[in-house]
Amino acid sequence: MIRPPYFLCQSAVLFTGLLAGCAHVPKAPSTDPTYADVGPLLEASFKRQLAAAVGITVIKDGKVTWTGTFGEQAPGVPATAATMFNAASLAKPVTAEVAMRLVSTGAISLDESMSAQWVDPDIVYDPRHKLLTPRLALSHQTSFPNWRFQDTGKKLAFTAEPRSGFTYSGEGYEYLRRFLEKKTGKSFEALIAENIF
């Protein structure tokens, strides 16, 4: 069975279902995977998830040992190793890593209210902003929509009570980013440079 971190799936749209599909290859190949190992599974997953293409890289002992590209970059045009992928949400793992490194140094707490440092002007009069913590933002439990511009009012608003369940939210991560900047007095770019790069 091929499992992360031995491969990386990139798709025009990243789907949890596609990644889960990639992880359910029936048996582990004795060598690096081939089209026969993963191709049929991926093509079936593309149809289910309405995804277009995926690139896979196998890394062993820090070295790339195999790459494969499946699907189409445009209708009738196969994806290749040179295909450029629109990979969404890649800032989220970086944001999470920065936040967790700040937690490890004691600079922030996962469960502190972010309201002492940052309150978005759109929700300043909604008392639920006091419930928002880094933990809720990292786990997509802020009850914010994915993006405020997708809402009819174009303003940030709660869709439910924070902590009431999972709601995928880019806004939640943006909220966390603003909190981290206010709490540390540093730009997010500086935080990334100091804590990751």
N, C-alpha and C. Protein backbone atom coordinates (compact mmCIF):
# COMPACT_ATOMS: atom_id res chain seq x y z
N MET A 1 0.84 -1.18 0.00
CA MET A 1 0.00 0.00 0.00
C MET A 1 0.89 1.24 0.00
N ILE A 2 0.63 2.18 -0.88
CA ILE A 2 1.38 3.42 -0.94
C ILE A 2 0.72 4.40 0.00
N ARG A 3 1.48 4.96 0.92
CA ARG A 3 0.92 5.88 1.90
C ARG A 3 1.81 7.11 2.02
N PRO A 4 1.24 8.27 2.41
CA PRO A 4 2.09 9.42 2.72
C PRO A 4 3.04 9.03 3.84
N PRO A 5 4.27 9.55 3.97
CA PRO A 5 4.79 10.65 3.16
C PRO A 5 5.55 10.18 1.93
N TYR A 6 5.32 8.99 1.45
CA TYR A 6 6.08 8.47 0.33
C TYR A 6 5.63 8.99 -1.02
N PHE A 7 4.50 9.65 -1.05
CA PHE A 7 4.11 10.27 -2.31
C PHE A 7 3.42 11.58 -2.03
N LEU A 8 3.39 12.40 -3.04
CA LEU A 8 2.73 13.69 -2.94
C LEU A 8 1.75 13.80 -4.08
N CYS A 9 0.49 14.01 -3.76
CA CYS A 9 -0.52 14.22 -4.80
C CYS A 9 -0.74 15.71 -4.95
N GLN A 10 -0.68 16.19 -6.17
CA GLN A 10 -1.05 17.56 -6.47
C GLN A 10 -2.13 17.49 -7.53
N SER A 11 -3.17 18.25 -7.35
CA SER A 11 -4.26 18.22 -8.31
C SER A 11 -4.70 19.63 -8.60
N ALA A 12 -5.36 19.80 -9.75
CA ALA A 12 -5.89 21.12 -10.08
C ALA A 12 -6.78 21.61 -8.96
N VAL A 13 -7.51 20.71 -8.36
CA VAL A 13 -8.23 20.99 -7.13
C VAL A 13 -7.90 19.86 -6.19
N LEU A 14 -7.44 20.17 -4.98
CA LEU A 14 -7.03 19.11 -4.05
C LEU A 14 -8.26 18.57 -3.35
N PHE A 15 -8.50 17.29 -3.50
CA PHE A 15 -9.66 16.65 -2.88
C PHE A 15 -9.20 15.63 -1.87
N THR A 16 -9.80 15.67 -0.69
CA THR A 16 -9.52 14.65 0.30
C THR A 16 -9.85 13.28 -0.24
N GLY A 17 -10.94 13.19 -0.96
CA GLY A 17 -11.34 11.90 -1.53
C GLY A 17 -10.32 11.36 -2.51
N LEU A 18 -9.73 12.25 -3.31
CA LEU A 18 -8.71 11.81 -4.25
C LEU A 18 -7.50 11.30 -3.50
N LEU A 19 -7.08 12.04 -2.47
CA LEU A 19 -5.93 11.59 -1.70
C LEU A 19 -6.23 10.27 -1.00
N ALA A 20 -7.43 10.15 -0.48
CA ALA A 20 -7.81 8.88 0.14
C ALA A 20 -7.80 7.77 -0.90
N GLY A 21 -8.27 8.09 -2.10
CA GLY A 21 -8.25 7.10 -3.17
C GLY A 21 -6.84 6.67 -3.51
N CYS A 22 -5.91 7.62 -3.52
CA CYS A 22 -4.52 7.28 -3.80
C CYS A 22 -3.96 6.34 -2.76
N ALA A 23 -4.43 6.47 -1.53
CA ALA A 23 -3.90 5.65 -0.45
C ALA A 23 -4.47 4.25 -0.42
N HIS A 24 -5.45 3.95 -1.28
CA HIS A 24 -6.08 2.64 -1.24
C HIS A 24 -5.65 1.75 -2.40
N VAL A 25 -4.39 1.82 -2.77
CA VAL A 25 -3.88 0.91 -3.79
C VAL A 25 -3.93 -0.49 -3.19
N PRO A 26 -4.51 -1.48 -3.88
CA PRO A 26 -4.77 -2.78 -3.27
C PRO A 26 -3.55 -3.49 -2.69
N LYS A 27 -2.40 -3.46 -3.35
CA LYS A 27 -1.25 -4.14 -2.76
C LYS A 27 0.00 -3.34 -3.03
N ALA A 28 0.95 -3.45 -2.15
CA ALA A 28 2.18 -2.68 -2.28
C ALA A 28 3.04 -3.25 -3.40
N PRO A 29 3.49 -2.37 -4.32
CA PRO A 29 4.39 -2.88 -5.35
C PRO A 29 5.74 -3.20 -4.72
N SER A 30 6.45 -4.17 -5.29
CA SER A 30 7.74 -4.55 -4.74
C SER A 30 8.81 -3.52 -5.09
N THR A 31 8.58 -2.74 -6.14
CA THR A 31 9.49 -1.65 -6.50
C THR A 31 8.68 -0.37 -6.50
N ASP A 32 9.24 0.68 -7.06
CA ASP A 32 8.48 1.92 -7.14
C ASP A 32 7.22 1.70 -7.96
N PRO A 33 6.16 2.46 -7.69
CA PRO A 33 4.90 2.23 -8.38
C PRO A 33 5.02 2.47 -9.89
N THR A 34 4.14 1.84 -10.61
CA THR A 34 4.06 2.03 -12.05
C THR A 34 2.64 2.43 -12.38
N TYR A 35 2.40 2.72 -13.64
CA TYR A 35 1.04 3.04 -14.05
C TYR A 35 0.09 1.89 -13.70
N ALA A 36 0.55 0.66 -13.87
CA ALA A 36 -0.30 -0.49 -13.56
C ALA A 36 -0.72 -0.49 -12.09
N ASP A 37 0.17 0.00 -11.22
CA ASP A 37 -0.13 0.02 -9.78
C ASP A 37 -1.16 1.09 -9.42
N VAL A 38 -1.00 2.29 -9.98
CA VAL A 38 -1.82 3.42 -9.53
C VAL A 38 -2.71 4.03 -10.60
N GLY A 39 -2.40 3.83 -11.86
CA GLY A 39 -3.15 4.48 -12.94
C GLY A 39 -4.64 4.22 -12.92
N PRO A 40 -5.08 2.96 -12.94
CA PRO A 40 -6.53 2.70 -12.96
C PRO A 40 -7.26 3.28 -11.75
N LEU A 41 -6.63 3.17 -10.59
CA LEU A 41 -7.24 3.71 -9.38
C LEU A 41 -7.39 5.22 -9.49
N LEU A 42 -6.35 5.90 -9.95
CA LEU A 42 -6.40 7.34 -10.07
C LEU A 42 -7.43 7.79 -11.10
N GLU A 43 -7.49 7.11 -12.23
CA GLU A 43 -8.46 7.49 -13.25
C GLU A 43 -9.89 7.34 -12.74
N ALA A 44 -10.14 6.27 -11.98
CA ALA A 44 -11.47 6.11 -11.38
C ALA A 44 -11.74 7.21 -10.36
N SER A 45 -10.71 7.58 -9.59
CA SER A 45 -10.86 8.63 -8.60
C SER A 45 -11.11 9.97 -9.27
N PHE A 46 -10.44 10.23 -10.40
CA PHE A 46 -10.67 11.48 -11.13
C PHE A 46 -12.15 11.63 -11.47
N LYS A 47 -12.75 10.54 -11.95
CA LYS A 47 -14.16 10.59 -12.35
C LYS A 47 -15.07 10.85 -11.15
N ARG A 48 -14.77 10.17 -10.02
CA ARG A 48 -15.60 10.35 -8.82
C ARG A 48 -15.47 11.76 -8.26
N GLN A 49 -14.24 12.28 -8.25
CA GLN A 49 -13.97 13.56 -7.60
C GLN A 49 -14.00 14.75 -8.55
N LEU A 50 -14.24 14.50 -9.83
CA LEU A 50 -14.25 15.55 -10.84
C LEU A 50 -12.92 16.31 -10.87
N ALA A 51 -11.83 15.58 -10.67
CA ALA A 51 -10.49 16.16 -10.74
C ALA A 51 -9.91 15.91 -12.12
N ALA A 52 -8.93 16.70 -12.50
CA ALA A 52 -8.38 16.62 -13.85
C ALA A 52 -7.09 15.82 -13.93
N ALA A 53 -6.18 16.05 -12.99
CA ALA A 53 -4.85 15.44 -13.11
C ALA A 53 -4.19 15.37 -11.75
N VAL A 54 -3.15 14.56 -11.69
CA VAL A 54 -2.37 14.44 -10.46
C VAL A 54 -0.93 14.12 -10.82
N GLY A 55 -0.01 14.68 -10.06
CA GLY A 55 1.39 14.33 -10.17
C GLY A 55 1.81 13.65 -8.88
N ILE A 56 2.56 12.56 -8.99
CA ILE A 56 2.99 11.81 -7.81
C ILE A 56 4.51 11.74 -7.81
N THR A 57 5.09 11.94 -6.65
CA THR A 57 6.52 11.81 -6.48
C THR A 57 6.77 10.86 -5.32
N VAL A 58 7.63 9.87 -5.53
CA VAL A 58 8.02 8.95 -4.47
C VAL A 58 9.39 9.39 -3.98
N ILE A 59 9.50 9.59 -2.67
CA ILE A 59 10.76 10.02 -2.06
C ILE A 59 11.19 8.94 -1.07
N LYS A 60 12.40 8.43 -1.26
CA LYS A 60 12.96 7.43 -0.34
C LYS A 60 14.29 7.94 0.16
N ASP A 61 14.46 7.93 1.46
CA ASP A 61 15.71 8.39 2.08
C ASP A 61 16.12 9.76 1.57
N GLY A 62 15.14 10.63 1.41
CA GLY A 62 15.42 12.00 1.00
C GLY A 62 15.70 12.18 -0.48
N LYS A 63 15.54 11.13 -1.29
CA LYS A 63 15.81 11.23 -2.72
C LYS A 63 14.58 10.86 -3.53
N VAL A 64 14.34 11.59 -4.60
CA VAL A 64 13.24 11.28 -5.51
C VAL A 64 13.61 10.02 -6.27
N THR A 65 12.76 8.99 -6.14
CA THR A 65 13.05 7.72 -6.83
C THR A 65 12.09 7.44 -7.97
N TRP A 66 10.94 8.14 -7.98
CA TRP A 66 9.97 7.89 -9.05
C TRP A 66 9.00 9.04 -9.12
N THR A 67 8.60 9.40 -10.32
CA THR A 67 7.53 10.37 -10.50
C THR A 67 6.59 9.85 -11.56
N GLY A 68 5.35 10.23 -11.45
CA GLY A 68 4.36 9.86 -12.45
C GLY A 68 3.30 10.94 -12.52
N THR A 69 2.78 11.18 -13.71
CA THR A 69 1.73 12.17 -13.91
C THR A 69 0.58 11.49 -14.63
N PHE A 70 -0.63 11.71 -14.15
CA PHE A 70 -1.81 11.04 -14.69
C PHE A 70 -2.91 12.06 -14.94
N GLY A 71 -3.75 11.79 -15.91
CA GLY A 71 -4.88 12.66 -16.21
C GLY A 71 -4.56 13.62 -17.35
N GLU A 72 -5.36 14.68 -17.44
CA GLU A 72 -5.25 15.64 -18.53
C GLU A 72 -5.04 17.05 -17.99
N GLN A 73 -4.16 17.80 -18.65
CA GLN A 73 -3.98 19.21 -18.26
C GLN A 73 -5.02 20.10 -18.93
N ALA A 74 -5.60 19.61 -20.01
CA ALA A 74 -6.71 20.25 -20.71
C ALA A 74 -7.44 19.14 -21.44
N PRO A 75 -8.68 19.35 -21.84
CA PRO A 75 -9.40 18.27 -22.53
C PRO A 75 -8.60 17.75 -23.74
N GLY A 76 -8.28 16.46 -23.68
CA GLY A 76 -7.55 15.82 -24.76
C GLY A 76 -6.05 16.03 -24.73
N VAL A 77 -5.54 16.77 -23.73
CA VAL A 77 -4.10 17.03 -23.62
C VAL A 77 -3.59 16.36 -22.34
N PRO A 78 -2.79 15.29 -22.47
CA PRO A 78 -2.32 14.58 -21.28
C PRO A 78 -1.45 15.47 -20.39
N ALA A 79 -1.57 15.27 -19.10
CA ALA A 79 -0.67 15.93 -18.15
C ALA A 79 0.71 15.29 -18.26
N THR A 80 1.75 16.10 -18.11
CA THR A 80 3.13 15.60 -18.16
C THR A 80 3.88 16.13 -16.95
N ALA A 81 5.15 15.77 -16.85
CA ALA A 81 5.98 16.26 -15.75
C ALA A 81 6.15 17.78 -15.83
N ALA A 82 5.93 18.37 -16.99
CA ALA A 82 6.06 19.82 -17.15
C ALA A 82 4.75 20.57 -16.90
N THR A 83 3.65 19.85 -16.66
CA THR A 83 2.36 20.49 -16.43
C THR A 83 2.41 21.33 -15.16
N MET A 84 1.91 22.56 -15.26
CA MET A 84 1.82 23.43 -14.10
C MET A 84 0.48 23.17 -13.41
N PHE A 85 0.52 22.88 -12.11
CA PHE A 85 -0.68 22.61 -11.35
C PHE A 85 -1.09 23.84 -10.54
N ASN A 86 -2.38 24.12 -10.52
CA ASN A 86 -2.92 25.12 -9.61
C ASN A 86 -3.15 24.40 -8.28
N ALA A 87 -2.21 24.50 -7.39
CA ALA A 87 -2.33 23.79 -6.11
C ALA A 87 -2.90 24.74 -5.07
N ALA A 88 -4.06 24.41 -4.56
CA ALA A 88 -4.75 25.29 -3.62
C ALA A 88 -4.34 25.00 -2.19
N SER A 89 -4.48 26.01 -1.35
CA SER A 89 -4.34 25.89 0.10
C SER A 89 -2.95 25.47 0.56
N LEU A 90 -1.94 25.76 -0.19
CA LEU A 90 -0.59 25.41 0.26
C LEU A 90 -0.09 26.34 1.36
N ALA A 91 -0.73 27.47 1.55
CA ALA A 91 -0.35 28.35 2.65
C ALA A 91 -0.80 27.80 3.99
N LYS A 92 -1.82 26.95 3.98
CA LYS A 92 -2.35 26.44 5.26
C LYS A 92 -1.33 25.59 6.03
N PRO A 93 -0.63 24.64 5.39
CA PRO A 93 0.36 23.90 6.17
C PRO A 93 1.49 24.78 6.67
N VAL A 94 1.87 25.80 5.90
CA VAL A 94 2.92 26.72 6.35
C VAL A 94 2.42 27.52 7.55
N THR A 95 1.19 28.01 7.47
CA THR A 95 0.60 28.75 8.59
C THR A 95 0.52 27.88 9.84
N ALA A 96 0.09 26.64 9.66
CA ALA A 96 -0.01 25.72 10.79
C ALA A 96 1.36 25.46 11.40
N GLU A 97 2.37 25.28 10.56
CA GLU A 97 3.74 25.02 11.08
C GLU A 97 4.25 26.22 11.86
N VAL A 98 4.05 27.42 11.31
CA VAL A 98 4.48 28.63 12.04
C VAL A 98 3.77 28.70 13.39
N ALA A 99 2.45 28.49 13.39
CA ALA A 99 1.69 28.56 14.64
C ALA A 99 2.20 27.54 15.65
N MET A 100 2.43 26.31 15.21
CA MET A 100 2.87 25.27 16.15
C MET A 100 4.28 25.53 16.67
N ARG A 101 5.12 26.11 15.85
CA ARG A 101 6.47 26.47 16.35
C ARG A 101 6.37 27.59 17.38
N LEU A 102 5.46 28.52 17.17
CA LEU A 102 5.26 29.57 18.18
C LEU A 102 4.66 29.00 19.46
N VAL A 103 3.80 28.00 19.33
CA VAL A 103 3.28 27.31 20.51
C VAL A 103 4.42 26.63 21.26
N SER A 104 5.32 25.97 20.53
CA SER A 104 6.41 25.23 21.17
C SER A 104 7.36 26.14 21.94
N THR A 105 7.46 27.41 21.54
CA THR A 105 8.34 28.34 22.26
C THR A 105 7.59 29.10 23.35
N GLY A 106 6.28 28.90 23.44
CA GLY A 106 5.49 29.61 24.43
C GLY A 106 5.06 31.00 24.00
N ALA A 107 5.32 31.35 22.74
CA ALA A 107 4.94 32.68 22.25
C ALA A 107 3.43 32.84 22.14
N ILE A 108 2.74 31.73 21.85
CA ILE A 108 1.28 31.74 21.83
C ILE A 108 0.78 30.46 22.47
N SER A 109 -0.51 30.46 22.80
CA SER A 109 -1.16 29.26 23.31
C SER A 109 -2.24 28.86 22.32
N LEU A 110 -2.43 27.57 22.12
CA LEU A 110 -3.47 27.11 21.21
C LEU A 110 -4.87 27.51 21.68
N ASP A 111 -5.03 27.70 22.98
CA ASP A 111 -6.36 27.93 23.52
C ASP A 111 -6.60 29.35 24.04
N GLU A 112 -5.71 30.27 23.73
CA GLU A 112 -5.97 31.66 24.12
C GLU A 112 -6.96 32.30 23.16
N SER A 113 -7.74 33.21 23.67
CA SER A 113 -8.67 33.96 22.82
C SER A 113 -7.85 34.88 21.92
N MET A 114 -8.14 34.85 20.63
CA MET A 114 -7.42 35.73 19.71
C MET A 114 -7.92 37.16 19.81
N SER A 115 -9.04 37.38 20.50
CA SER A 115 -9.67 38.69 20.53
C SER A 115 -8.83 39.75 21.25
N ALA A 116 -7.94 39.33 22.14
CA ALA A 116 -7.08 40.30 22.83
C ALA A 116 -6.12 40.98 21.85
N GLN A 117 -5.82 40.30 20.74
CA GLN A 117 -4.87 40.83 19.76
C GLN A 117 -5.54 41.26 18.46
N TRP A 118 -6.59 40.55 18.06
CA TRP A 118 -7.19 40.81 16.75
C TRP A 118 -8.67 40.49 16.76
N VAL A 119 -9.46 41.43 16.28
CA VAL A 119 -10.88 41.22 16.01
C VAL A 119 -11.16 41.83 14.65
N ASP A 120 -11.66 41.04 13.73
CA ASP A 120 -12.00 41.55 12.41
C ASP A 120 -13.12 42.57 12.54
N PRO A 121 -13.01 43.72 11.87
CA PRO A 121 -14.05 44.75 11.98
C PRO A 121 -15.46 44.26 11.63
N ASP A 122 -15.55 43.24 10.77
CA ASP A 122 -16.88 42.74 10.39
C ASP A 122 -17.60 42.03 11.54
N ILE A 123 -16.84 41.52 12.52
CA ILE A 123 -17.48 40.77 13.60
C ILE A 123 -17.26 41.41 14.97
N VAL A 124 -16.80 42.65 15.00
CA VAL A 124 -16.47 43.28 16.26
C VAL A 124 -17.67 43.36 17.21
N TYR A 125 -18.88 43.46 16.67
CA TYR A 125 -20.07 43.55 17.54
C TYR A 125 -20.73 42.20 17.80
N ASP A 126 -20.14 41.13 17.30
CA ASP A 126 -20.66 39.78 17.57
C ASP A 126 -19.82 39.19 18.71
N PRO A 127 -20.40 38.97 19.87
CA PRO A 127 -19.61 38.50 21.03
C PRO A 127 -18.93 37.14 20.80
N ARG A 128 -19.35 36.41 19.78
CA ARG A 128 -18.73 35.10 19.53
C ARG A 128 -17.27 35.23 19.11
N HIS A 129 -16.82 36.43 18.73
CA HIS A 129 -15.41 36.59 18.36
C HIS A 129 -14.49 36.27 19.55
N LYS A 130 -15.01 36.40 20.76
CA LYS A 130 -14.21 36.10 21.96
C LYS A 130 -13.92 34.61 22.12
N LEU A 131 -14.69 33.77 21.42
CA LEU A 131 -14.51 32.32 21.50
C LEU A 131 -13.40 31.80 20.58
N LEU A 132 -12.95 32.63 19.65
CA LEU A 132 -12.00 32.17 18.64
C LEU A 132 -10.61 32.00 19.23
N THR A 133 -10.02 30.83 18.97
CA THR A 133 -8.68 30.49 19.44
C THR A 133 -7.86 29.97 18.26
N PRO A 134 -6.52 29.96 18.39
CA PRO A 134 -5.72 29.33 17.33
C PRO A 134 -6.12 27.88 17.06
N ARG A 135 -6.46 27.14 18.10
CA ARG A 135 -6.85 25.74 17.91
C ARG A 135 -8.08 25.63 17.00
N LEU A 136 -9.07 26.49 17.24
CA LEU A 136 -10.28 26.45 16.41
C LEU A 136 -9.98 26.84 14.97
N ALA A 137 -9.11 27.83 14.77
CA ALA A 137 -8.75 28.22 13.41
C ALA A 137 -8.01 27.09 12.70
N LEU A 138 -7.05 26.47 13.38
CA LEU A 138 -6.26 25.40 12.77
C LEU A 138 -7.10 24.17 12.44
N SER A 139 -8.15 23.93 13.20
CA SER A 139 -8.99 22.75 12.98
C SER A 139 -10.28 23.07 12.22
N HIS A 140 -10.34 24.24 11.60
CA HIS A 140 -11.51 24.64 10.80
C HIS A 140 -12.80 24.58 11.60
N GLN A 141 -12.76 25.11 12.82
CA GLN A 141 -13.95 25.14 13.67
C GLN A 141 -14.34 26.55 14.08
N THR A 142 -13.94 27.55 13.28
CA THR A 142 -14.30 28.94 13.58
C THR A 142 -15.76 29.23 13.24
N SER A 143 -16.36 28.42 12.39
CA SER A 143 -17.69 28.65 11.84
C SER A 143 -17.72 29.85 10.90
N PHE A 144 -16.59 30.14 10.29
CA PHE A 144 -16.53 31.13 9.22
C PHE A 144 -16.76 30.41 7.89
N PRO A 145 -17.27 31.13 6.90
CA PRO A 145 -17.34 30.55 5.55
C PRO A 145 -15.91 30.40 5.00
N ASN A 146 -15.78 29.74 3.87
CA ASN A 146 -14.45 29.62 3.27
C ASN A 146 -13.89 31.00 3.00
N TRP A 147 -14.63 31.84 2.26
CA TRP A 147 -14.21 33.21 1.98
C TRP A 147 -15.40 34.14 2.08
N ARG A 148 -15.22 35.29 2.69
CA ARG A 148 -16.31 36.25 2.88
C ARG A 148 -16.87 36.75 1.56
N PHE A 149 -16.04 36.86 0.53
CA PHE A 149 -16.53 37.38 -0.74
C PHE A 149 -17.53 36.44 -1.40
N GLN A 150 -17.59 35.18 -0.93
CA GLN A 150 -18.55 34.23 -1.48
C GLN A 150 -19.94 34.41 -0.87
N ASP A 151 -20.01 35.15 0.22
CA ASP A 151 -21.29 35.39 0.87
C ASP A 151 -21.99 36.57 0.20
N THR A 152 -23.29 36.57 0.25
CA THR A 152 -24.05 37.63 -0.43
C THR A 152 -23.73 39.01 0.15
N GLY A 153 -23.46 39.09 1.44
CA GLY A 153 -23.15 40.38 2.05
C GLY A 153 -21.70 40.80 1.91
N LYS A 154 -20.85 39.90 1.45
CA LYS A 154 -19.41 40.16 1.26
C LYS A 154 -18.71 40.58 2.55
N LYS A 155 -19.27 40.22 3.68
CA LYS A 155 -18.66 40.52 4.97
C LYS A 155 -18.46 39.24 5.74
N LEU A 156 -17.45 39.24 6.60
CA LEU A 156 -17.19 38.08 7.44
C LEU A 156 -18.31 37.95 8.47
N ALA A 157 -18.83 36.74 8.60
CA ALA A 157 -19.89 36.48 9.59
C ALA A 157 -19.83 35.02 9.99
N PHE A 158 -20.26 34.74 11.19
CA PHE A 158 -20.33 33.36 11.65
C PHE A 158 -21.51 32.66 10.98
N THR A 159 -21.29 31.42 10.59
CA THR A 159 -22.39 30.62 10.04
C THR A 159 -23.03 29.77 11.13
N ALA A 160 -22.36 29.65 12.26
CA ALA A 160 -22.85 28.87 13.41
C ALA A 160 -21.99 29.27 14.61
N GLU A 161 -22.22 28.63 15.72
CA GLU A 161 -21.43 28.88 16.91
C GLU A 161 -20.02 28.29 16.72
N PRO A 162 -18.95 29.05 17.02
CA PRO A 162 -17.61 28.45 16.96
C PRO A 162 -17.56 27.18 17.80
N ARG A 163 -16.79 26.21 17.37
CA ARG A 163 -16.65 24.88 18.00
C ARG A 163 -17.80 23.95 17.69
N SER A 164 -18.77 24.38 16.90
CA SER A 164 -19.94 23.52 16.68
C SER A 164 -19.71 22.46 15.62
N GLY A 165 -18.59 22.52 14.92
CA GLY A 165 -18.30 21.50 13.92
C GLY A 165 -17.28 21.99 12.91
N PHE A 166 -16.90 21.09 12.01
CA PHE A 166 -15.91 21.37 10.98
C PHE A 166 -16.55 22.16 9.85
N THR A 167 -15.96 23.29 9.50
CA THR A 167 -16.35 24.06 8.33
C THR A 167 -15.07 24.58 7.69
N TYR A 168 -14.71 24.01 6.54
CA TYR A 168 -13.47 24.40 5.88
C TYR A 168 -13.47 25.90 5.65
N SER A 169 -12.40 26.59 6.09
CA SER A 169 -12.41 28.04 6.04
C SER A 169 -11.03 28.63 5.82
N GLY A 170 -10.84 29.20 4.63
CA GLY A 170 -9.66 30.01 4.39
C GLY A 170 -9.67 31.25 5.27
N GLU A 171 -10.86 31.78 5.53
CA GLU A 171 -10.99 32.94 6.41
C GLU A 171 -10.45 32.64 7.82
N GLY A 172 -10.68 31.43 8.30
CA GLY A 172 -10.17 31.07 9.62
C GLY A 172 -8.66 31.13 9.68
N TYR A 173 -8.00 30.68 8.62
CA TYR A 173 -6.54 30.73 8.58
C TYR A 173 -6.03 32.15 8.40
N GLU A 174 -6.77 32.97 7.62
CA GLU A 174 -6.41 34.38 7.50
C GLU A 174 -6.55 35.09 8.85
N TYR A 175 -7.58 34.71 9.59
CA TYR A 175 -7.81 35.28 10.91
C TYR A 175 -6.63 34.92 11.83
N LEU A 176 -6.22 33.67 11.78
CA LEU A 176 -5.07 33.23 12.57
C LEU A 176 -3.81 33.99 12.17
N ARG A 177 -3.60 34.17 10.87
CA ARG A 177 -2.42 34.91 10.40
C ARG A 177 -2.39 36.31 10.97
N ARG A 178 -3.53 37.00 10.93
CA ARG A 178 -3.58 38.35 11.47
C ARG A 178 -3.29 38.35 12.98
N PHE A 179 -3.84 37.36 13.68
CA PHE A 179 -3.58 37.24 15.11
C PHE A 179 -2.09 37.04 15.37
N LEU A 180 -1.44 36.15 14.62
CA LEU A 180 -0.01 35.89 14.82
C LEU A 180 0.81 37.15 14.59
N GLU A 181 0.46 37.92 13.57
CA GLU A 181 1.18 39.16 13.30
C GLU A 181 1.01 40.16 14.44
N LYS A 182 -0.23 40.32 14.92
CA LYS A 182 -0.48 41.26 16.02
C LYS A 182 0.19 40.80 17.31
N LYS A 183 0.12 39.51 17.58
CA LYS A 183 0.68 38.98 18.84
C LYS A 183 2.20 39.12 18.88
N THR A 184 2.85 38.86 17.75
CA THR A 184 4.32 38.89 17.73
C THR A 184 4.89 40.24 17.31
N GLY A 185 4.06 41.09 16.70
CA GLY A 185 4.57 42.36 16.19
C GLY A 185 5.42 42.20 14.95
N LYS A 186 5.29 41.07 14.27
CA LYS A 186 6.10 40.78 13.08
C LYS A 186 5.19 40.46 11.91
N SER A 187 5.68 40.74 10.71
CA SER A 187 4.92 40.37 9.51
C SER A 187 4.91 38.86 9.38
N PHE A 188 3.92 38.35 8.66
CA PHE A 188 3.85 36.90 8.47
C PHE A 188 5.06 36.41 7.69
N GLU A 189 5.52 37.20 6.73
CA GLU A 189 6.72 36.83 5.97
C GLU A 189 7.91 36.67 6.89
N ALA A 190 8.05 37.59 7.86
CA ALA A 190 9.16 37.49 8.82
C ALA A 190 9.00 36.25 9.70
N LEU A 191 7.78 35.94 10.12
CA LEU A 191 7.54 34.75 10.93
C LEU A 191 7.90 33.47 10.17
N ILE A 192 7.54 33.43 8.89
CA ILE A 192 7.90 32.27 8.07
C ILE A 192 9.41 32.14 7.95
N ALA A 193 10.07 33.26 7.67
CA ALA A 193 11.53 33.24 7.52
C ALA A 193 12.21 32.79 8.80
N GLU A 194 11.74 33.25 9.93
CA GLU A 194 12.37 32.91 11.22
C GLU A 194 12.08 31.47 11.64
N ASN A 195 10.86 31.01 11.40
CA ASN A 195 10.43 29.72 11.95
C ASN A 195 10.52 28.54 11.00
N ILE A 196 10.58 28.80 9.71
CA ILE A 196 10.61 27.70 8.75
C ILE A 196 11.84 27.76 7.85
N PHE A 197 12.06 28.92 7.24
CA PHE A 197 13.15 29.01 6.28
C PHE A 197 14.40 29.64 6.88
